[in-house]
Amino acid sequence: MEDFQTRLRSHTAEVEEIIKSFLPKEEGRLKTLLSAMNYSFLVGGKRLRPMLMLETYRLFGGDDPAIRNFMAAIEMIHTYSLIHDDLPAMDNDEYRRGKKTTWVKYGEDIAVLAGDGLLNMAFEIAIEGGIAAREMDRGLYALRVMAKKAGVYGMIGGQTVDVENEGKQLNLETLEFIHRNKTSALIEASMVCGAIIGGSDEATARRIETAAGDIGLAFQIRDDILDVIGEEEKLGKPIGSDEKNEHMTYVSMVGLEKANQRVKDLSEQAMQIIADIPHENPFLMELLRSLIEREY
């Protein structure tokens, strides 16, 4: 039997092929902008969000090519958020995944526009998928979920509260609000869209949303942990950037032991919700478990 890492590489390659097929050609008067968009997208990464979307879709036995559009869209949204996060006005990071960040390579102005371009292209692609879905009402429902989770009541809202509280003392409730919106929201979008396009009923999609929210929070807390104990070569970004930028984290607030326990509790809680759904996808469960112990 193939081990998990072998299957993960195979699934990642599949996801990579799908999402790359939606990238624009670097040509014409917009070549610089399109090159910056593609550079950011192709720098690499775990492709966690489109993979979670695809595997949740498979959990429900999905059979609709529209999922491909939504997979590319969610990764474009995620990539645009990273471009803007790295800007001097935000985290001021010069490297991501071991390579120069977009603003360093192309300049701040093009980086802002590249992020804007990816966000808008994401919705162009998602709308095309929603309209072409075998059940258009499912496609439009998924589109609404993605838009909300990426917007002011999701990721952008979380980022805003994070920026407004930079350098301030936070309570745990505010920190969780930031994490559940800034990070969990796109993971919720990924899994809920996968469930909807895959054929889930609305009540079950809500259960998936709850599980995905816990997974996203666990993922972010683990990220906070790795910013303290991780290896820069594996992470592809400087260790200690949260402390450097005066960002409050779970680790700084409750310590490593309690942060690790919180990751474990949230992950187990989320996996139990998914295990109780009368469908199976063993790889999805393994993927979620791997988030608890990831090293990068």
Foldseek 3Di string as FASTA:
>chain_A
DDDLVVVLVVLQVVLVVLLVVLQDDQDDPCNLLSVLLVCLLPLDDSLVLLSLLQLLLVLLPFDWPLSSLLSNLLSLLVSLVVLVCCDPLHLVFQWFLQDGRSCNVRNPVSSNVSSVVSNVSSLVSLVVSLCRTPDNVLSVVLSVLQDCQSDCVAQVVLSVLQSVQFLHDDDPVNVLSSQLRNFLSSQLSRNLNSNSSSPHDPVLSVLLSQLSSLLSSLLVLVVVVLLAVADCNVRGGHRPSCVVRRGDGPCNVPNDVVSLVSSVVSLVVSLVSVVPPPGDDVSSNVVSVCSSVDRD
